[in-house]
Amino acid sequence: MTKEIKVAAGKKEIAGEILDRLILIHPEPVCELKFNTPFELLVAVILSAQCTDKRVNEITTELFKKYNTPEDFANIDPRELEKLIFSCGFYRNKAANIIKAATDVLVRFDGKVPSTVEELVTLAGVGRKTANVVYAVAFGGQAIAVDTHVLRVSNRIGFVKTDKPEVVEKALTEIFPKERWAQAHHLLIHHGRYTCKARNPECDKCNICEFCDHYKEISGK
């Protein structure tokens, strides 16, 4: 892990400029999941594992019309929930985790979604990524959630050389100043989703190519 963090440290001096440039092509980098409350966001992020935000939004648009509180989900028939979220994949595990998380929120947190990462990760189905998203988006905290886009872009730029999300998160929190963690999270996601795609990255539309190890490799520059 130490070696991987040192690789990332070489980019620290230009990290701020990378964010400043990315915001020019992604001027409003916000969470694209639709929600009205911290609990709805929690459910949406659990559903988003290995699923697109677009699909999750299609599901929750209908789901939240009928069920949208911890009480609703703590008491829902698992088979009913599975049917409603079927199209997001891994629906049995996700349904079980949502029901358990809702019960935890009711029993352990008096019906309110906890507002710290340390408490959030104690909920069923909530790992570091989910906790960081909820903390940053619902409560305005500074955190960097590492999804597939953040991981890919971070490796391509050369912030890290690893496929371990926890190492990427650690590296990025050392590279970027804390007051820009949430912004960095959203910018890297948007850049990975719309420009630095997994297949056929649109390098001609990217304004940070000169800092990107992957671009230098494929272009020979």
Protein backbone atom coordinates (compact mmCIF):
# COMPACT_ATOMS: atom_id res chain seq x y z
CA MET A 1 0.00 0.00 0.00
CA THR A 2 2.84 2.42 0.86
CA LYS A 3 4.37 2.03 -2.59
CA GLU A 4 1.03 2.72 -4.27
CA ILE A 5 0.47 5.84 -2.19
CA LYS A 6 3.94 7.13 -3.16
CA VAL A 7 3.05 6.69 -6.83
CA ALA A 8 0.02 8.92 -6.24
CA ALA A 9 2.03 11.55 -4.38
CA GLY A 10 3.89 12.50 -7.58
CA LYS A 11 0.72 14.13 -8.89
CA LYS A 12 -0.08 16.12 -5.78
CA GLU A 13 1.37 19.40 -6.98
CA ILE A 14 -0.93 19.52 -10.03
CA ALA A 15 -4.05 18.03 -8.37
CA GLY A 16 -5.68 21.44 -7.93
CA GLU A 17 -5.12 22.37 -11.58
CA ILE A 18 -6.65 19.05 -12.67
CA LEU A 19 -9.83 19.83 -10.73
CA ASP A 20 -9.89 23.41 -12.05
CA ARG A 21 -9.68 22.11 -15.60
CA LEU A 22 -12.23 19.35 -15.12
CA ILE A 23 -14.82 21.78 -13.80
CA LEU A 24 -14.61 23.63 -17.13
CA ILE A 25 -15.99 20.60 -18.97
CA HIS A 26 -18.14 19.34 -16.08
CA PRO A 27 -19.45 22.64 -14.64
CA GLU A 28 -22.17 21.16 -12.44
CA PRO A 29 -20.83 17.87 -11.09
CA VAL A 30 -23.53 16.65 -8.71
CA CYS A 31 -24.93 13.31 -7.64
CA GLU A 32 -27.27 12.13 -10.39
CA LEU A 33 -29.34 9.86 -8.17
CA LYS A 34 -32.79 11.29 -7.47
CA PHE A 35 -33.83 11.55 -3.83
CA ASN A 36 -35.75 13.76 -1.40
CA THR A 37 -34.37 12.61 1.96
CA PRO A 38 -31.14 11.10 3.32
CA PHE A 39 -32.94 7.77 3.65
CA GLU A 40 -34.07 7.79 0.02
CA LEU A 41 -30.47 8.52 -0.98
CA LEU A 42 -29.26 5.63 1.17
CA VAL A 43 -31.66 3.26 -0.60
CA ALA A 44 -30.71 4.60 -4.01
CA VAL A 45 -26.98 4.20 -3.40
CA ILE A 46 -27.44 0.62 -2.20
CA LEU A 47 -29.39 -0.08 -5.39
CA SER A 48 -26.68 1.56 -7.53
CA ALA A 49 -24.07 -1.14 -6.84
CA GLN A 50 -23.15 -2.54 -10.27
CA CYS A 51 -26.07 -0.66 -11.77
CA THR A 52 -26.34 2.67 -13.60
CA ASP A 53 -27.78 5.76 -11.95
CA LYS A 54 -30.23 6.02 -14.85
CA ARG A 55 -31.66 2.58 -14.10
CA VAL A 56 -31.81 3.27 -10.37
CA ASN A 57 -33.70 6.50 -11.00
CA GLU A 58 -36.21 4.62 -13.14
CA ILE A 59 -36.76 2.18 -10.27
CA THR A 60 -36.92 4.69 -7.44
CA THR A 61 -39.27 7.04 -9.29
CA GLU A 62 -41.96 4.40 -8.83
CA LEU A 63 -40.61 2.79 -5.64
CA PHE A 64 -40.56 5.99 -3.60
CA LYS A 65 -44.16 6.79 -4.51
CA LYS A 66 -45.23 3.89 -2.28
CA TYR A 67 -42.28 3.26 0.04
CA ASN A 68 -39.93 6.03 1.15
CA THR A 69 -39.36 5.88 4.93
CA PRO A 70 -37.41 3.54 7.21
CA GLU A 71 -40.74 2.30 8.59
CA ASP A 72 -41.97 1.47 5.09
CA PHE A 73 -38.92 -0.60 4.21
CA ALA A 74 -38.52 -2.24 7.62
CA ASN A 75 -42.01 -3.68 7.24
CA ILE A 76 -42.12 -4.43 3.51
CA ASP A 77 -42.55 -7.99 2.28
CA PRO A 78 -39.12 -8.99 0.92
CA ARG A 79 -40.73 -10.57 -2.14
CA GLU A 80 -42.55 -7.33 -2.90
CA LEU A 81 -39.34 -5.33 -2.68
CA GLU A 82 -37.48 -7.86 -4.81
CA LYS A 83 -40.13 -7.51 -7.49
CA LEU A 84 -39.90 -3.73 -7.45
CA ILE A 85 -36.09 -3.59 -7.73
CA PHE A 86 -35.58 -6.67 -9.91
CA SER A 87 -34.16 -4.77 -12.88
CA CYS A 88 -31.22 -3.32 -10.94
CA GLY A 89 -29.53 -6.71 -10.51
CA PHE A 90 -28.55 -8.60 -7.36
CA TYR A 91 -32.07 -7.79 -6.24
CA ARG A 92 -32.29 -10.42 -3.48
CA ASN A 93 -29.17 -9.22 -1.68
CA LYS A 94 -30.08 -5.58 -2.19
CA ALA A 95 -33.61 -6.11 -0.89
CA ALA A 96 -32.33 -7.91 2.20
CA ASN A 97 -29.77 -5.18 2.89
CA ILE A 98 -32.27 -2.36 2.43
CA ILE A 99 -34.71 -4.00 4.85
CA LYS A 100 -31.95 -4.62 7.41
CA ALA A 101 -30.57 -1.10 7.02
CA ALA A 102 -34.05 0.38 7.47
CA THR A 103 -34.50 -1.68 10.63
CA ASP A 104 -31.11 -0.51 11.92
CA VAL A 105 -32.04 3.11 11.27
CA LEU A 106 -35.26 2.66 13.22
CA VAL A 107 -33.90 0.64 16.12
CA ARG A 108 -30.40 2.02 16.56
CA PHE A 109 -30.68 5.58 15.25
CA ASP A 110 -34.20 6.60 16.24
CA GLY A 111 -35.44 6.60 12.66
CA LYS A 112 -32.81 9.03 11.35
CA VAL A 113 -30.03 8.12 8.95
CA PRO A 114 -26.72 8.60 10.81
CA SER A 115 -24.65 11.51 9.59
CA THR A 116 -21.11 10.15 10.03
CA VAL A 117 -19.19 7.67 7.93
CA GLU A 118 -18.29 5.67 11.02
CA GLU A 119 -21.95 5.13 11.88
CA LEU A 120 -23.13 4.68 8.29
CA VAL A 121 -20.81 1.74 7.66
CA THR A 122 -22.46 -0.15 10.53
CA LEU A 123 -25.69 -0.38 8.50
CA ALA A 124 -26.39 -3.50 6.47
CA GLY A 125 -25.19 -3.26 2.88
CA VAL A 126 -23.27 -0.05 3.50
CA GLY A 127 -19.57 -0.07 2.69
CA ARG A 128 -17.12 2.81 2.42
CA LYS A 129 -18.36 3.94 -0.99
CA THR A 130 -22.02 4.09 0.02
CA ALA A 131 -21.22 5.75 3.34
CA ASN A 132 -19.04 8.39 1.69
CA VAL A 133 -21.73 9.21 -0.89
CA VAL A 134 -24.44 9.61 1.74
CA TYR A 135 -22.15 11.61 4.03
CA ALA A 136 -21.04 13.96 1.26
CA VAL A 137 -24.30 14.35 -0.66
CA ALA A 138 -26.96 14.18 2.06
CA PHE A 139 -25.00 15.86 4.86
CA GLY A 140 -22.56 18.11 3.04
CA GLY A 141 -19.49 16.30 4.34
CA GLN A 142 -16.10 16.08 2.68
CA ALA A 143 -15.46 12.55 1.42
CA ILE A 144 -14.29 10.75 -1.71
CA ALA A 145 -16.40 7.76 -2.69
CA VAL A 146 -14.56 5.40 -5.02
CA ASP A 147 -16.78 3.81 -7.65
CA THR A 148 -15.71 2.22 -10.93
CA HIS A 149 -15.36 5.64 -12.62
CA VAL A 150 -13.22 7.17 -9.89
CA LEU A 151 -11.04 4.06 -9.80
CA ARG A 152 -10.54 4.02 -13.58
CA VAL A 153 -9.80 7.75 -13.97
CA SER A 154 -7.46 7.77 -10.97
CA ASN A 155 -5.43 4.94 -12.47
CA ARG A 156 -5.35 6.44 -15.94
CA ILE A 157 -4.21 9.85 -14.72
CA GLY A 158 -1.58 8.15 -12.56
CA PHE A 159 -2.83 9.11 -9.12
CA VAL A 160 -2.60 5.40 -8.24
CA LYS A 161 -1.69 2.07 -9.76
CA THR A 162 -4.10 -0.27 -8.02
CA ASP A 163 -7.51 -1.89 -8.36
CA LYS A 164 -8.20 -1.60 -4.62
CA PRO A 165 -10.86 1.05 -3.85
CA GLU A 166 -9.62 1.54 -0.30
CA VAL A 167 -6.12 2.37 -1.57
CA VAL A 168 -7.54 4.78 -4.14
CA GLU A 169 -9.60 6.55 -1.46
CA LYS A 170 -6.58 6.87 0.81
CA ALA A 171 -4.41 8.21 -2.00
CA LEU A 172 -6.95 10.76 -3.21
CA THR A 173 -7.53 12.11 0.29
CA GLU A 174 -3.79 12.73 0.51
CA ILE A 175 -3.58 14.31 -2.96
CA PHE A 176 -6.53 16.71 -2.72
CA PRO A 177 -7.11 19.26 0.06
CA LYS A 178 -9.96 18.21 2.33
CA GLU A 179 -12.16 21.14 1.36
CA ARG A 180 -12.20 19.79 -2.22
CA TRP A 181 -12.78 16.09 -1.53
CA ALA A 182 -16.48 16.08 -2.40
CA GLN A 183 -15.84 18.16 -5.50
CA ALA A 184 -13.06 15.81 -6.60
CA HIS A 185 -15.38 12.84 -6.10
CA HIS A 186 -18.07 14.29 -8.37
CA LEU A 187 -15.64 15.57 -11.01
CA LEU A 188 -13.85 12.24 -11.33
CA ILE A 189 -17.17 10.39 -11.59
CA HIS A 190 -18.50 12.72 -14.28
CA HIS A 191 -15.23 12.63 -16.20
CA GLY A 192 -15.23 8.84 -16.13
CA ARG A 193 -18.90 8.60 -17.05
CA TYR A 194 -18.93 11.08 -19.92
CA THR A 195 -15.36 11.53 -21.20
CA CYS A 196 -12.82 9.04 -19.84
CA LYS A 197 -15.05 6.08 -20.59
CA ALA A 198 -14.08 2.47 -19.96
CA ARG A 199 -14.22 1.75 -23.68
CA ASN A 200 -13.17 4.29 -26.27
CA PRO A 201 -12.26 7.19 -23.97
CA GLU A 202 -12.84 10.52 -25.69
CA CYS A 203 -9.34 11.88 -25.27
CA ASP A 204 -10.00 14.54 -27.92
CA LYS A 205 -12.57 16.09 -25.55
CA CYS A 206 -10.35 15.84 -22.47
CA ASN A 207 -8.52 18.92 -21.16
CA ILE A 208 -6.17 17.09 -18.78
CA CYS A 209 -4.42 14.85 -21.32
CA GLU A 210 -1.05 16.41 -20.62
CA PHE A 211 -1.27 15.10 -17.05
CA CYS A 212 -2.61 11.65 -18.00
CA ASP A 213 -0.31 8.63 -17.96
CA HIS A 214 -2.78 6.57 -20.01
CA TYR A 215 -2.95 9.18 -22.77
CA LYS A 216 0.83 9.40 -22.93
CA GLU A 217 1.02 5.61 -23.29
CA ILE A 218 -1.55 5.30 -26.09
CA SER A 219 -0.48 8.44 -27.97
CA GLY A 220 3.25 8.00 -27.63
CA LYS A 221 3.59 11.60 -26.43
